[in-house]
Amino acid sequence: MNRLGFITLVALAGCIKAPDVVIVDRHSLLEEQAAARMPATQAQVAQAGLSAGPAPFTSGQLVRSGWQPDAEHDAIAALYSGWVDDAQMLDQLLLRHCIGEARDASLVSTPDACSGAVDLADVSRRLEKANRSRRQIWLYLQQRSHDGEADVHTAWRQTRQKGLVCGGWWQKDDGAWEAKPCP
């Protein structure tokens, strides 16, 4: 019986095999995606945030790409051409006295003096964006020139007064509001 058990054990030993072991020195793409480590995608998102908006194409580029104008595309083009950028809209709001250049060098809403109806939410969004951009510029100027915040605001205000649209709403040093005189 020992002999039969030994032969059976030897026969079975040939059928049993240890599994192959594979050592991987880095994560697979699926593991990296599951762990949310996607540097290429993160860089694309960051870049898209810096350069948001449609890519401008000339009509010649569109025709060369095979685009054929039709009524639907003409309607979309008419809508798009009616849009104005933030700077133009801010100038229009300054002229209508819906916003003004304040003494602290920021833009503020002045609805009591506004002529005509405006979308207050849109005006507020545009003001926040413009003032955020101004604060970033002021911070850069402070770091570069080592001047104080008040000095940077004063210099900005003097420069901005020269470049303000003719008739734009402006806060005088005494706190009163006036339209910038035209030359």
Protein backbone atom coordinates (compact mmCIF):
# COMPACT_ATOMS: atom_id res chain seq x y z
CA MET A 1 0.00 0.00 0.00
CA ASN A 2 2.89 2.29 0.71
CA ARG A 3 4.21 1.62 -2.70
CA LEU A 4 0.86 2.39 -4.37
CA GLY A 5 0.51 5.58 -2.32
CA PHE A 6 4.00 6.67 -3.26
CA ILE A 7 3.35 6.10 -7.01
CA THR A 8 0.05 8.01 -6.77
CA LEU A 9 1.79 10.85 -4.99
CA VAL A 10 4.52 11.04 -7.66
CA ALA A 11 1.91 10.95 -10.44
CA LEU A 12 -0.09 13.73 -8.86
CA ALA A 13 3.00 15.79 -8.15
CA GLY A 14 3.61 16.08 -11.90
CA CYS A 15 0.10 17.56 -12.40
CA ILE A 16 0.42 20.22 -9.73
CA LYS A 17 2.27 23.30 -10.87
CA ALA A 18 3.02 26.55 -9.08
CA PRO A 19 1.43 29.62 -10.75
CA ASP A 20 3.60 32.05 -12.71
CA VAL A 21 4.44 35.19 -10.75
CA VAL A 22 4.59 38.50 -12.58
CA ILE A 23 6.13 41.53 -10.92
CA VAL A 24 4.96 44.91 -12.21
CA ASP A 25 7.04 47.95 -11.37
CA ARG A 26 4.30 50.51 -12.17
CA HIS A 27 0.55 50.81 -12.15
CA SER A 28 -1.49 49.94 -15.19
CA LEU A 29 -3.39 52.70 -16.99
CA LEU A 30 -6.65 51.48 -15.50
CA GLU A 31 -5.19 51.63 -11.99
CA GLU A 32 -3.90 55.16 -12.60
CA GLN A 33 -7.30 56.28 -13.88
CA ALA A 34 -9.04 54.66 -10.93
CA ALA A 35 -6.68 56.50 -8.59
CA ALA A 36 -7.49 59.75 -10.49
CA ARG A 37 -3.89 60.35 -11.52
CA MET A 38 -4.35 61.72 -15.02
CA PRO A 39 -1.71 64.41 -15.52
CA ALA A 40 -2.47 64.90 -19.22
CA THR A 41 -6.16 65.47 -18.56
CA GLN A 42 -5.48 67.75 -15.59
CA ALA A 43 -3.15 69.87 -17.73
CA GLN A 44 -5.81 70.08 -20.46
CA VAL A 45 -8.43 71.22 -17.97
CA ALA A 46 -6.10 73.84 -16.52
CA GLN A 47 -5.28 75.15 -20.00
CA ALA A 48 -8.95 75.21 -21.00
CA GLY A 49 -9.69 77.35 -17.97
CA LEU A 50 -7.08 79.88 -19.05
CA SER A 51 -8.26 80.12 -22.64
CA ALA A 52 -12.01 79.71 -22.45
CA GLY A 53 -14.20 80.64 -25.37
CA PRO A 54 -14.75 79.71 -28.97
CA ALA A 55 -11.87 79.52 -31.42
CA PRO A 56 -12.14 82.25 -34.05
CA PHE A 57 -12.33 81.07 -37.64
CA THR A 58 -12.46 83.23 -40.75
CA SER A 59 -15.11 82.57 -43.37
CA GLY A 60 -12.35 81.38 -45.72
CA GLN A 61 -11.20 78.77 -43.20
CA LEU A 62 -14.76 77.57 -42.77
CA VAL A 63 -15.34 77.24 -46.52
CA ARG A 64 -12.05 75.34 -46.97
CA SER A 65 -13.13 72.92 -44.24
CA GLY A 66 -16.20 72.02 -46.26
CA TRP A 67 -18.74 74.08 -44.34
CA GLN A 68 -21.74 75.19 -46.34
CA PRO A 69 -23.79 78.09 -44.99
CA ASP A 70 -27.53 77.60 -44.62
CA ALA A 71 -30.41 79.38 -42.89
CA GLU A 72 -29.73 77.75 -39.51
CA HIS A 73 -26.05 78.71 -39.54
CA ASP A 74 -26.95 82.26 -40.66
CA ALA A 75 -29.33 82.59 -37.70
CA ILE A 76 -26.59 81.42 -35.29
CA ALA A 77 -24.10 83.84 -36.86
CA ALA A 78 -26.57 86.72 -36.46
CA LEU A 79 -27.00 85.89 -32.77
CA TYR A 80 -23.24 85.59 -32.23
CA SER A 81 -22.48 88.87 -33.98
CA GLY A 82 -24.83 90.67 -31.58
CA TRP A 83 -22.74 89.73 -28.56
CA VAL A 84 -20.27 92.18 -27.19
CA ASP A 85 -17.27 91.46 -25.07
CA ASP A 86 -17.02 92.45 -21.41
CA ALA A 87 -14.95 95.59 -22.05
CA GLN A 88 -17.48 96.95 -24.54
CA MET A 89 -20.37 96.13 -22.24
CA LEU A 90 -18.64 97.81 -19.29
CA ASP A 91 -18.09 100.94 -21.39
CA GLN A 92 -21.79 100.97 -22.34
CA LEU A 93 -22.76 100.58 -18.67
CA LEU A 94 -20.38 103.42 -17.73
CA LEU A 95 -21.98 105.65 -20.37
CA ARG A 96 -25.49 104.80 -19.11
CA HIS A 97 -24.30 105.46 -15.52
CA CYS A 98 -25.32 101.94 -14.42
CA ILE A 99 -21.80 101.40 -13.08
CA GLY A 100 -19.04 103.80 -12.16
CA GLU A 101 -15.36 104.07 -11.40
CA ALA A 102 -15.24 104.41 -7.61
CA ARG A 103 -12.70 106.33 -5.52
CA ASP A 104 -11.11 103.04 -4.42
CA ALA A 105 -10.31 102.32 -8.11
CA SER A 106 -12.88 99.53 -8.41
CA LEU A 107 -16.04 99.37 -10.48
CA VAL A 108 -19.31 99.65 -8.54
CA SER A 109 -22.96 99.35 -9.41
CA THR A 110 -24.89 102.65 -9.45
CA PRO A 111 -28.48 101.58 -10.20
CA ASP A 112 -30.06 104.83 -8.96
CA ALA A 113 -28.35 106.83 -11.71
CA CYS A 114 -28.80 104.16 -14.42
CA SER A 115 -30.68 105.15 -17.56
CA GLY A 116 -32.68 102.27 -19.01
CA ALA A 117 -33.29 98.73 -17.86
CA VAL A 118 -30.44 96.33 -17.16
CA ASP A 119 -30.08 92.75 -16.01
CA LEU A 120 -28.69 93.29 -12.51
CA ALA A 121 -27.39 89.71 -12.29
CA ASP A 122 -25.43 90.17 -15.53
CA VAL A 123 -24.07 93.54 -14.38
CA SER A 124 -23.04 92.00 -11.05
CA ARG A 125 -21.26 89.10 -12.79
CA ARG A 126 -19.38 91.47 -15.08
CA LEU A 127 -18.40 93.74 -12.18
CA GLU A 128 -17.08 90.82 -10.14
CA LYS A 129 -15.01 89.60 -13.07
CA ALA A 130 -13.59 93.06 -13.84
CA ASN A 131 -12.78 93.82 -10.19
CA ARG A 132 -11.14 90.39 -9.73
CA SER A 133 -8.94 91.12 -12.74
CA ARG A 134 -8.07 94.53 -11.35
CA ARG A 135 -7.12 93.07 -7.95
CA GLN A 136 -4.78 90.62 -9.66
CA ILE A 137 -3.14 93.46 -11.58
CA TRP A 138 -2.84 95.58 -8.44
CA LEU A 139 -1.24 92.71 -6.53
CA TYR A 140 1.26 92.20 -9.36
CA LEU A 141 2.08 95.93 -9.42
CA GLN A 142 2.53 95.99 -5.65
CA GLN A 143 4.93 93.05 -5.76
CA ARG A 144 6.85 94.52 -8.65
CA SER A 145 7.15 98.11 -7.41
CA HIS A 146 7.13 97.42 -3.64
CA ASP A 147 4.64 100.31 -3.26
CA GLY A 148 1.75 100.21 -0.84
CA GLU A 149 -1.78 99.29 -1.82
CA ALA A 150 -2.99 102.90 -1.61
CA ASP A 151 -0.18 104.09 -3.92
CA VAL A 152 -1.01 101.44 -6.52
CA HIS A 153 -4.73 102.33 -6.38
CA THR A 154 -3.97 106.04 -6.76
CA ALA A 155 -1.71 105.43 -9.77
CA TRP A 156 -4.31 103.09 -11.29
CA ARG A 157 -7.09 105.66 -10.78
CA GLN A 158 -5.08 108.45 -12.41
CA THR A 159 -4.23 106.28 -15.41
CA ARG A 160 -7.77 104.91 -15.65
CA GLN A 161 -9.27 108.43 -15.58
CA LYS A 162 -7.31 109.29 -18.72
CA GLY A 163 -8.49 106.12 -20.49
CA LEU A 164 -12.11 106.25 -19.31
CA VAL A 165 -14.67 106.44 -22.09
CA CYS A 166 -15.92 109.96 -22.77
CA GLY A 167 -19.08 110.49 -20.69
CA GLY A 168 -18.31 107.54 -18.40
CA TRP A 169 -19.54 107.63 -14.82
CA TRP A 170 -16.79 108.67 -12.39
CA GLN A 171 -16.68 109.26 -8.63
CA LYS A 172 -14.95 112.49 -7.67
CA ASP A 173 -12.68 112.78 -4.65
CA ASP A 174 -15.48 114.37 -2.62
CA GLY A 175 -17.73 111.31 -3.21
CA ALA A 176 -20.06 112.87 -5.79
CA TRP A 177 -20.60 111.21 -9.17
CA GLU A 178 -20.11 112.93 -12.53
CA ALA A 179 -19.75 112.06 -16.20
CA LYS A 180 -16.21 112.37 -17.53
CA PRO A 181 -16.10 115.55 -19.59
CA CYS A 182 -15.41 115.09 -23.28
CA PRO A 183 -12.56 117.07 -24.85
